[in-house]
Amino acid sequence: MQKIYINDKYYLNVKVEGNTSLPKIIFSNSLGSDLRLWDSQVEALKDKFCIIRYDTRGHGHSSKFEGPYSFDMLENDVISILDELNIEKAHFVGLSIGGMTSLGLALKHQNRFNKIVCCAARADMPAPMKESWNERISIVKKNGTDGVVNSSIERWYSEEFRNNPNNTVKIDLATEMIKNTSVEGYIGCCEAIKNLDYLKELSTINREILYISGENDIGAPAMAMEEMHHLTPNSKYECIPKAAHIVNIEAPALVNKIILDFLI
């Protein structure tokens, strides 16, 4: 682990694994999680890539950045990591808010990235959904991130996955990650998500991009992600059967194969 400072006060927690002479991949986690979200992908990809993971600002072991945040800030955090590690270009894989961040990077910083994987993410935030984010912000202000644990896990994982006793460790990890997220980080990211507005620009992306959705994801519905694919030139789309939001944990073997086939 290492600290990469964004300014004199705030830093991001970054973990680099594998042979640094190999092609680089940066992984970006969801709201309410940390870099451990990608453990299964690291195991599958570390022999072919140098893996770079980081905790989003206000999450995990990164600083409790004061909010609100914007996607410009979140995207510039990634560029700061590339610059500090002297990486000219990398692949990028993001999920949920990490996937939203991937779209901004594809639009604004395309010269720094090769292929991009956007998992379980919308490209815009319709007005009715903005209100749901205001409600979530109110809950976290009142009860901390403990107040969104149960509702988050219900969105993250399908009922079948949650009820399988073999997945208890993964559910416990999800609970721990959400509770460990700072109030500042959670609310700051919610404020960024409320203003998400990349849908109308997708036609201008000229990087190869892969969209991955979960069939039963209510936060980033498969239908919405398939539409994003149709709007984006040189894009591909995969839907993970029966999965909800955190597709890479619910179906790691399939997601790993899809990502590998796309990147190699």
C-alpha atoms as a PDB file:
ATOM      1  CA  MET A   1       0.000   0.000   0.000  1.00  0.00           C
ATOM      2  CA  GLN A   2       1.131   3.542  -0.617  1.00  0.00           C
ATOM      3  CA  LYS A   3      -0.259   7.027  -0.173  1.00  0.00           C
ATOM      4  CA  ILE A   4      -0.536   9.237  -3.228  1.00  0.00           C
ATOM      5  CA  TYR A   5      -1.158  12.814  -2.192  1.00  0.00           C
ATOM      6  CA  ILE A   6      -3.628  14.896  -4.182  1.00  0.00           C
ATOM      7  CA  ASN A   7      -2.586  18.024  -2.288  1.00  0.00           C
ATOM      8  CA  ASP A   8      -0.918  18.903   1.007  1.00  0.00           C
ATOM      9  CA  LYS A   9      -3.871  17.592   3.000  1.00  0.00           C
ATOM     10  CA  TYR A  10      -5.472  14.654   1.196  1.00  0.00           C
ATOM     11  CA  TYR A  11      -4.170  11.354  -0.140  1.00  0.00           C
ATOM     12  CA  LEU A  12      -5.434   8.240  -1.909  1.00  0.00           C
ATOM     13  CA  ASN A  13      -4.629   4.735  -0.720  1.00  0.00           C
ATOM     14  CA  VAL A  14      -3.115   2.830  -3.662  1.00  0.00           C
ATOM     15  CA  LYS A  15      -1.987  -0.787  -4.048  1.00  0.00           C
ATOM     16  CA  VAL A  16       0.236  -1.975  -6.914  1.00  0.00           C
ATOM     17  CA  GLU A  17       0.599  -5.721  -7.489  1.00  0.00           C
ATOM     18  CA  GLY A  18       2.473  -7.830 -10.003  1.00  0.00           C
ATOM     19  CA  ASN A  19       5.229  -7.273 -12.509  1.00  0.00           C
ATOM     20  CA  THR A  20       5.424  -3.552 -13.288  1.00  0.00           C
ATOM     21  CA  SER A  21       6.775  -4.322 -16.762  1.00  0.00           C
ATOM     22  CA  LEU A  22       3.437  -5.885 -17.733  1.00  0.00           C
ATOM     23  CA  PRO A  23       0.499  -3.891 -19.147  1.00  0.00           C
ATOM     24  CA  LYS A  24      -1.215  -1.891 -16.422  1.00  0.00           C
ATOM     25  CA  ILE A  25      -4.848  -2.081 -15.272  1.00  0.00           C
ATOM     26  CA  ILE A  26      -6.444   0.333 -12.826  1.00  0.00           C
ATOM     27  CA  PHE A  27      -9.503  -0.907 -10.914  1.00  0.00           C
ATOM     28  CA  SER A  28     -12.032   1.526  -9.424  1.00  0.00           C
ATOM     29  CA  ASN A  29     -14.540   0.361  -6.814  1.00  0.00           C
ATOM     30  CA  SER A  30     -18.204   1.075  -6.138  1.00  0.00           C
ATOM     31  CA  LEU A  31     -19.771   3.511  -3.719  1.00  0.00           C
ATOM     32  CA  GLY A  32     -19.423   2.123  -0.198  1.00  0.00           C
ATOM     33  CA  SER A  33     -16.639  -0.348  -0.954  1.00  0.00           C
ATOM     34  CA  ASP A  34     -12.851  -0.399  -1.080  1.00  0.00           C
ATOM     35  CA  LEU A  35     -10.134  -1.959  -3.206  1.00  0.00           C
ATOM     36  CA  ARG A  36     -10.863  -5.414  -1.775  1.00  0.00           C
ATOM     37  CA  LEU A  37     -13.894  -5.460  -4.067  1.00  0.00           C
ATOM     38  CA  TRP A  38     -11.542  -6.677  -6.821  1.00  0.00           C
ATOM     39  CA  ASP A  39      -9.734  -9.505  -4.996  1.00  0.00           C
ATOM     40  CA  SER A  40     -11.097 -12.187  -7.347  1.00  0.00           C
ATOM     41  CA  GLN A  41     -10.037 -10.231 -10.429  1.00  0.00           C
ATOM     42  CA  VAL A  42      -6.508  -9.741  -9.110  1.00  0.00           C
ATOM     43  CA  GLU A  43      -6.059 -13.476  -8.690  1.00  0.00           C
ATOM     44  CA  ALA A  44      -7.234 -14.122 -12.238  1.00  0.00           C
ATOM     45  CA  LEU A  45      -5.304 -11.335 -13.977  1.00  0.00           C
ATOM     46  CA  LYS A  46      -2.100 -10.779 -12.002  1.00  0.00           C
ATOM     47  CA  ASP A  47       0.038 -13.058 -14.199  1.00  0.00           C
ATOM     48  CA  LYS A  48      -0.806 -11.068 -17.320  1.00  0.00           C
ATOM     49  CA  PHE A  49      -1.107  -7.527 -15.957  1.00  0.00           C
ATOM     50  CA  CYS A  50       0.282  -5.181 -13.350  1.00  0.00           C
ATOM     51  CA  ILE A  51      -2.727  -4.463 -11.143  1.00  0.00           C
ATOM     52  CA  ILE A  52      -3.319  -1.025  -9.621  1.00  0.00           C
ATOM     53  CA  ARG A  53      -6.148  -0.624  -7.123  1.00  0.00           C
ATOM     54  CA  TYR A  54      -7.123   2.410  -5.088  1.00  0.00           C
ATOM     55  CA  ASP A  55      -9.673   3.453  -2.518  1.00  0.00           C
ATOM     56  CA  THR A  56     -11.937   6.187  -3.836  1.00  0.00           C
ATOM     57  CA  ARG A  57     -11.639   9.448  -1.918  1.00  0.00           C
ATOM     58  CA  GLY A  58     -13.376   9.115   1.434  1.00  0.00           C
ATOM     59  CA  HIS A  59     -13.417   5.313   1.156  1.00  0.00           C
ATOM     60  CA  GLY A  60     -11.263   2.579   2.673  1.00  0.00           C
ATOM     61  CA  HIS A  61      -7.897   3.948   3.768  1.00  0.00           C
ATOM     62  CA  SER A  62      -7.992   7.075   1.597  1.00  0.00           C
ATOM     63  CA  SER A  63      -8.396  10.453   3.287  1.00  0.00           C
ATOM     64  CA  LYS A  64     -11.786  11.747   4.373  1.00  0.00           C
ATOM     65  CA  PHE A  65     -11.898  14.350   1.633  1.00  0.00           C
ATOM     66  CA  GLU A  66     -14.388  17.124   2.329  1.00  0.00           C
ATOM     67  CA  GLY A  67     -17.318  17.096  -0.104  1.00  0.00           C
ATOM     68  CA  PRO A  68     -19.223  17.531  -2.243  1.00  0.00           C
ATOM     69  CA  TYR A  69     -17.319  15.741  -4.992  1.00  0.00           C
ATOM     70  CA  SER A  70     -17.667  15.974  -8.760  1.00  0.00           C
ATOM     71  CA  PHE A  71     -16.733  13.533 -11.485  1.00  0.00           C
ATOM     72  CA  ASP A  72     -14.005  15.933 -12.590  1.00  0.00           C
ATOM     73  CA  MET A  73     -12.442  15.427  -9.130  1.00  0.00           C
ATOM     74  CA  LEU A  74     -12.843  11.642  -9.206  1.00  0.00           C
ATOM     75  CA  GLU A  75     -11.398  11.408 -12.702  1.00  0.00           C
ATOM     76  CA  ASN A  76      -8.488  13.689 -11.856  1.00  0.00           C
ATOM     77  CA  ASP A  77      -7.711  11.416  -8.902  1.00  0.00           C
ATOM     78  CA  VAL A  78      -7.075   8.608 -11.401  1.00  0.00           C
ATOM     79  CA  ILE A  79      -4.852  10.831 -13.521  1.00  0.00           C
ATOM     80  CA  SER A  80      -2.895  11.792 -10.387  1.00  0.00           C
ATOM     81  CA  ILE A  81      -2.290   8.096  -9.697  1.00  0.00           C
ATOM     82  CA  LEU A  82      -1.050   7.546 -13.260  1.00  0.00           C
ATOM     83  CA  ASP A  83       1.244  10.561 -13.031  1.00  0.00           C
ATOM     84  CA  GLU A  84       2.660   9.637  -9.624  1.00  0.00           C
ATOM     85  CA  LEU A  85       3.375   6.072 -10.792  1.00  0.00           C
ATOM     86  CA  ASN A  86       4.855   7.304 -14.090  1.00  0.00           C
ATOM     87  CA  ILE A  87       2.316   5.373 -16.141  1.00  0.00           C
ATOM     88  CA  GLU A  88       1.668   6.791 -19.580  1.00  0.00           C
ATOM     89  CA  LYS A  89      -1.277   4.537 -20.450  1.00  0.00           C
ATOM     90  CA  ALA A  90      -3.353   1.876 -18.736  1.00  0.00           C
ATOM     91  CA  HIS A  91      -6.498  -0.150 -19.081  1.00  0.00           C
ATOM     92  CA  PHE A  92      -9.291   0.914 -16.725  1.00  0.00           C
ATOM     93  CA  VAL A  93     -11.984  -1.205 -15.071  1.00  0.00           C
ATOM     94  CA  GLY A  94     -14.641   0.481 -12.960  1.00  0.00           C
ATOM     95  CA  LEU A  95     -17.873  -0.624 -11.313  1.00  0.00           C
ATOM     96  CA  SER A  96     -20.831   1.520 -10.225  1.00  0.00           C
ATOM     97  CA  ILE A  97     -19.364   4.968  -9.445  1.00  0.00           C
ATOM     98  CA  GLY A  98     -16.076   3.535 -10.739  1.00  0.00           C
ATOM     99  CA  GLY A  99     -17.861   2.716 -13.994  1.00  0.00           C
ATOM    100  CA  MET A 100     -19.277   6.231 -14.156  1.00  0.00           C
ATOM    101  CA  THR A 101     -15.751   7.514 -13.648  1.00  0.00           C
ATOM    102  CA  SER A 102     -14.590   5.322 -16.532  1.00  0.00           C
ATOM    103  CA  LEU A 103     -16.959   7.156 -18.878  1.00  0.00           C
ATOM    104  CA  GLY A 104     -15.530  10.531 -17.892  1.00  0.00           C
ATOM    105  CA  LEU A 105     -12.000   9.244 -18.402  1.00  0.00           C
ATOM    106  CA  ALA A 106     -12.956   7.938 -21.857  1.00  0.00           C
ATOM    107  CA  LEU A 107     -14.420  11.320 -22.741  1.00  0.00           C
ATOM    108  CA  LYS A 108     -11.874  13.694 -21.193  1.00  0.00           C
ATOM    109  CA  HIS A 109      -8.593  11.776 -20.860  1.00  0.00           C
ATOM    110  CA  GLN A 110      -8.706   9.267 -23.696  1.00  0.00           C
ATOM    111  CA  ASN A 111      -4.993   9.623 -24.489  1.00  0.00           C
ATOM    112  CA  ARG A 112      -4.146   8.076 -21.082  1.00  0.00           C
ATOM    113  CA  PHE A 113      -6.102   4.859 -21.555  1.00  0.00           C
ATOM    114  CA  ASN A 114      -6.140   1.830 -23.793  1.00  0.00           C
ATOM    115  CA  LYS A 115      -9.276  -0.272 -23.253  1.00  0.00           C
ATOM    116  CA  ILE A 116     -11.992   0.562 -20.750  1.00  0.00           C
ATOM    117  CA  VAL A 117     -14.438  -1.704 -18.915  1.00  0.00           C
ATOM    118  CA  CYS A 118     -17.560  -0.081 -17.457  1.00  0.00           C
ATOM    119  CA  CYS A 119     -19.482  -2.374 -15.085  1.00  0.00           C
ATOM    120  CA  ALA A 120     -22.899  -1.830 -13.511  1.00  0.00           C
ATOM    121  CA  ALA A 121     -23.069   1.911 -14.156  1.00  0.00           C
ATOM    122  CA  ARG A 122     -25.490   4.407 -15.614  1.00  0.00           C
ATOM    123  CA  ALA A 123     -24.420   7.283 -17.880  1.00  0.00           C
ATOM    124  CA  ASP A 124     -26.953   9.791 -16.570  1.00  0.00           C
ATOM    125  CA  MET A 125     -29.159  10.393 -13.551  1.00  0.00           C
ATOM    126  CA  PRO A 126     -32.841  11.042 -14.368  1.00  0.00           C
ATOM    127  CA  ALA A 127     -34.723  13.437 -12.093  1.00  0.00           C
ATOM    128  CA  PRO A 128     -36.692  10.770 -10.156  1.00  0.00           C
ATOM    129  CA  MET A 129     -33.438   8.978  -9.299  1.00  0.00           C
ATOM    130  CA  LYS A 130     -31.831  12.191  -8.055  1.00  0.00           C
ATOM    131  CA  GLU A 131     -34.439  12.357  -5.311  1.00  0.00           C
ATOM    132  CA  SER A 132     -33.551   8.833  -4.185  1.00  0.00           C
ATOM    133  CA  TRP A 133     -29.959  10.002  -3.743  1.00  0.00           C
ATOM    134  CA  ASN A 134     -31.145  12.929  -1.620  1.00  0.00           C
ATOM    135  CA  GLU A 135     -32.997  10.429   0.568  1.00  0.00           C
ATOM    136  CA  ARG A 136     -29.880   8.313   0.921  1.00  0.00           C
ATOM    137  CA  ILE A 137     -27.800  11.365   1.834  1.00  0.00           C
ATOM    138  CA  SER A 138     -30.316  12.200   4.583  1.00  0.00           C
ATOM    139  CA  ILE A 139     -30.044   8.686   6.016  1.00  0.00           C
ATOM    140  CA  VAL A 140     -26.241   8.823   6.114  1.00  0.00           C
ATOM    141  CA  LYS A 141     -26.245  12.285   7.683  1.00  0.00           C
ATOM    142  CA  LYS A 142     -28.518  10.969  10.440  1.00  0.00           C
ATOM    143  CA  ASN A 143     -27.227   7.425  10.981  1.00  0.00           C
ATOM    144  CA  GLY A 144     -23.817   7.232   9.320  1.00  0.00           C
ATOM    145  CA  THR A 145     -23.043   4.583   6.756  1.00  0.00           C
ATOM    146  CA  ASP A 146     -24.423   1.930   9.133  1.00  0.00           C
ATOM    147  CA  GLY A 147     -27.826   3.247   8.062  1.00  0.00           C
ATOM    148  CA  VAL A 148     -27.416   2.063   4.452  1.00  0.00           C
ATOM    149  CA  VAL A 149     -25.860  -1.370   5.032  1.00  0.00           C
ATOM    150  CA  ASN A 150     -28.975  -3.508   4.636  1.00  0.00           C
ATOM    151  CA  SER A 151     -30.435  -1.609   1.686  1.00  0.00           C
ATOM    152  CA  SER A 152     -27.061  -1.580  -0.068  1.00  0.00           C
ATOM    153  CA  ILE A 153     -26.527  -5.319   0.272  1.00  0.00           C
ATOM    154  CA  GLU A 154     -30.035  -5.926  -1.070  1.00  0.00           C
ATOM    155  CA  ARG A 155     -29.137  -3.877  -4.157  1.00  0.00           C
ATOM    156  CA  TRP A 156     -25.635  -5.288  -4.496  1.00  0.00           C
ATOM    157  CA  TYR A 157     -26.501  -8.982  -4.553  1.00  0.00           C
ATOM    158  CA  SER A 158     -29.377 -11.092  -5.822  1.00  0.00           C
ATOM    159  CA  GLU A 159     -31.635 -12.792  -3.300  1.00  0.00           C
ATOM    160  CA  GLU A 160     -30.296 -16.191  -4.345  1.00  0.00           C
ATOM    161  CA  PHE A 161     -26.721 -15.060  -3.697  1.00  0.00           C
ATOM    162  CA  ARG A 162     -27.568 -13.484  -0.334  1.00  0.00           C
ATOM    163  CA  ASN A 163     -29.388 -16.566   0.892  1.00  0.00           C
ATOM    164  CA  ASN A 164     -26.614 -18.993  -0.006  1.00  0.00           C
ATOM    165  CA  PRO A 165     -24.661 -19.807   3.189  1.00  0.00           C
ATOM    166  CA  ASN A 166     -21.520 -20.291   1.082  1.00  0.00           C
ATOM    167  CA  ASN A 167     -21.516 -16.529   0.481  1.00  0.00           C
ATOM    168  CA  THR A 168     -21.529 -15.453   4.142  1.00  0.00           C
ATOM    169  CA  VAL A 169     -17.897 -14.282   4.011  1.00  0.00           C
ATOM    170  CA  LYS A 170     -18.628 -12.106   0.971  1.00  0.00           C
ATOM    171  CA  ILE A 171     -21.707 -10.596   2.599  1.00  0.00           C
ATOM    172  CA  ASP A 172     -19.695  -9.921   5.761  1.00  0.00           C
ATOM    173  CA  LEU A 173     -17.010  -8.206   3.677  1.00  0.00           C
ATOM    174  CA  ALA A 174     -19.661  -6.017   2.035  1.00  0.00           C
ATOM    175  CA  THR A 175     -20.992  -5.030   5.453  1.00  0.00           C
ATOM    176  CA  GLU A 176     -17.511  -4.179   6.679  1.00  0.00           C
ATOM    177  CA  MET A 177     -16.653  -2.090   3.614  1.00  0.00           C
ATOM    178  CA  ILE A 178     -19.850  -0.058   3.808  1.00  0.00           C
ATOM    179  CA  LYS A 179     -19.446   0.615   7.542  1.00  0.00           C
ATOM    180  CA  ASN A 180     -15.802   1.614   7.010  1.00  0.00           C
ATOM    181  CA  THR A 181     -16.715   4.234   4.419  1.00  0.00           C
ATOM    182  CA  SER A 182     -16.578   7.730   5.893  1.00  0.00           C
ATOM    183  CA  VAL A 183     -19.708   9.863   5.974  1.00  0.00           C
ATOM    184  CA  GLU A 184     -17.775  12.515   4.032  1.00  0.00           C
ATOM    185  CA  GLY A 185     -16.787  10.022   1.346  1.00  0.00           C
ATOM    186  CA  TYR A 186     -20.210   8.476   0.980  1.00  0.00           C
ATOM    187  CA  ILE A 187     -22.123  11.753   0.799  1.00  0.00           C
ATOM    188  CA  GLY A 188     -19.462  13.378  -1.376  1.00  0.00           C
ATOM    189  CA  CYS A 189     -19.811  10.598  -3.947  1.00  0.00           C
ATOM    190  CA  CYS A 190     -23.613  10.739  -3.775  1.00  0.00           C
ATOM    191  CA  GLU A 191     -23.417  14.421  -4.695  1.00  0.00           C
ATOM    192  CA  ALA A 192     -21.290  13.566  -7.739  1.00  0.00           C
ATOM    193  CA  ILE A 193     -23.674  10.799  -8.823  1.00  0.00           C
ATOM    194  CA  LYS A 194     -26.662  13.152  -8.601  1.00  0.00           C
ATOM    195  CA  ASN A 195     -25.089  15.307 -11.324  1.00  0.00           C
ATOM    196  CA  LEU A 196     -24.031  12.449 -13.640  1.00  0.00           C
ATOM    197  CA  ASP A 197     -24.691  13.514 -17.245  1.00  0.00           C
ATOM    198  CA  TYR A 198     -22.562  11.623 -19.783  1.00  0.00           C
ATOM    199  CA  LEU A 199     -25.275   9.871 -21.821  1.00  0.00           C
ATOM    200  CA  LYS A 200     -25.491  12.502 -24.555  1.00  0.00           C
ATOM    201  CA  GLU A 201     -21.704  12.375 -25.073  1.00  0.00           C
ATOM    202  CA  LEU A 202     -21.233   8.619 -25.445  1.00  0.00           C
ATOM    203  CA  SER A 203     -21.233   8.844 -29.240  1.00  0.00           C
ATOM    204  CA  THR A 204     -17.942  10.792 -29.068  1.00  0.00           C
ATOM    205  CA  ILE A 205     -15.963   8.098 -27.206  1.00  0.00           C
ATOM    206  CA  ASN A 206     -13.191   6.678 -29.406  1.00  0.00           C
ATOM    207  CA  ARG A 207     -11.655   4.161 -26.976  1.00  0.00           C
ATOM    208  CA  GLU A 208     -12.624   0.502 -27.084  1.00  0.00           C
ATOM    209  CA  ILE A 209     -15.086   0.069 -24.251  1.00  0.00           C
ATOM    210  CA  LEU A 210     -16.846  -2.951 -22.788  1.00  0.00           C
ATOM    211  CA  TYR A 211     -20.098  -2.581 -20.871  1.00  0.00           C
ATOM    212  CA  ILE A 212     -21.000  -5.298 -18.352  1.00  0.00           C
ATOM    213  CA  SER A 213     -24.377  -5.345 -16.635  1.00  0.00           C
ATOM    214  CA  GLY A 214     -26.173  -7.629 -14.212  1.00  0.00           C
ATOM    215  CA  GLU A 215     -29.459  -9.046 -15.436  1.00  0.00           C
ATOM    216  CA  ASN A 216     -31.206  -8.154 -12.157  1.00  0.00           C
ATOM    217  CA  ASP A 217     -29.419  -4.892 -11.339  1.00  0.00           C
ATOM    218  CA  ILE A 218     -31.933  -2.215 -10.353  1.00  0.00           C
ATOM    219  CA  GLY A 219     -29.340   0.554  -9.962  1.00  0.00           C
ATOM    220  CA  ALA A 220     -27.860   0.240 -13.452  1.00  0.00           C
ATOM    221  CA  PRO A 221     -30.508  -1.755 -15.333  1.00  0.00           C
ATOM    222  CA  ALA A 222     -29.396  -4.034 -18.141  1.00  0.00           C
ATOM    223  CA  MET A 223     -31.688  -2.199 -20.548  1.00  0.00           C
ATOM    224  CA  ALA A 224     -30.005   1.129 -19.746  1.00  0.00           C
ATOM    225  CA  MET A 225     -26.515  -0.312 -20.190  1.00  0.00           C
ATOM    226  CA  GLU A 226     -27.448  -1.975 -23.472  1.00  0.00           C
ATOM    227  CA  GLU A 227     -28.656   1.429 -24.679  1.00  0.00           C
ATOM    228  CA  MET A 228     -25.282   2.911 -23.655  1.00  0.00           C
ATOM    229  CA  HIS A 229     -23.606   0.234 -25.774  1.00  0.00           C
ATOM    230  CA  HIS A 230     -25.724   1.135 -28.804  1.00  0.00           C
ATOM    231  CA  LEU A 231     -24.817   4.813 -28.370  1.00  0.00           C
ATOM    232  CA  THR A 232     -21.065   4.157 -28.061  1.00  0.00           C
ATOM    233  CA  PRO A 233     -18.950   3.398 -31.165  1.00  0.00           C
ATOM    234  CA  ASN A 234     -16.531   0.431 -30.923  1.00  0.00           C
ATOM    235  CA  SER A 235     -18.238  -0.841 -27.782  1.00  0.00           C
ATOM    236  CA  LYS A 236     -19.202  -4.320 -26.640  1.00  0.00           C
ATOM    237  CA  TYR A 237     -21.867  -5.419 -24.198  1.00  0.00           C
ATOM    238  CA  GLU A 238     -22.241  -8.405 -21.890  1.00  0.00           C
ATOM    239  CA  CYS A 239     -25.073  -9.169 -19.466  1.00  0.00           C
ATOM    240  CA  ILE A 240     -24.394 -11.460 -16.506  1.00  0.00           C
ATOM    241  CA  PRO A 241     -27.362 -13.819 -15.970  1.00  0.00           C
ATOM    242  CA  LYS A 242     -29.143 -13.632 -12.584  1.00  0.00           C
ATOM    243  CA  ALA A 243     -26.587 -11.169 -11.152  1.00  0.00           C
ATOM    244  CA  ALA A 244     -27.485  -7.927  -9.432  1.00  0.00           C
ATOM    245  CA  HIS A 245     -25.149  -4.920  -9.001  1.00  0.00           C
ATOM    246  CA  ILE A 246     -21.767  -6.251  -7.850  1.00  0.00           C
ATOM    247  CA  VAL A 247     -21.362  -8.562 -10.828  1.00  0.00           C
ATOM    248  CA  ASN A 248     -17.651  -9.216 -10.322  1.00  0.00           C
ATOM    249  CA  ILE A 249     -18.260 -10.840  -6.915  1.00  0.00           C
ATOM    250  CA  GLU A 250     -21.515 -12.570  -7.770  1.00  0.00           C
ATOM    251  CA  ALA A 251     -20.100 -14.175 -10.944  1.00  0.00           C
ATOM    252  CA  PRO A 252     -16.296 -13.808 -10.717  1.00  0.00           C
ATOM    253  CA  ALA A 253     -15.301 -16.602 -13.106  1.00  0.00           C
ATOM    254  CA  LEU A 254     -17.566 -15.347 -15.901  1.00  0.00           C
ATOM    255  CA  VAL A 255     -16.641 -11.689 -15.394  1.00  0.00           C
ATOM    256  CA  ASN A 256     -12.928 -12.549 -15.324  1.00  0.00           C
ATOM    257  CA  LYS A 257     -13.224 -14.447 -18.612  1.00  0.00           C
ATOM    258  CA  ILE A 258     -15.159 -11.603 -20.250  1.00  0.00           C
ATOM    259  CA  ILE A 259     -12.600  -9.024 -19.123  1.00  0.00           C
ATOM    260  CA  LEU A 260      -9.628 -11.152 -20.207  1.00  0.00           C
ATOM    261  CA  ASP A 261     -11.147 -11.883 -23.613  1.00  0.00           C
ATOM    262  CA  PHE A 262     -11.703  -8.146 -24.114  1.00  0.00           C
ATOM    263  CA  LEU A 263      -8.283  -6.946 -22.956  1.00  0.00           C
ATOM    264  CA  ILE A 264      -6.059  -9.535 -24.657  1.00  0.00           C
END
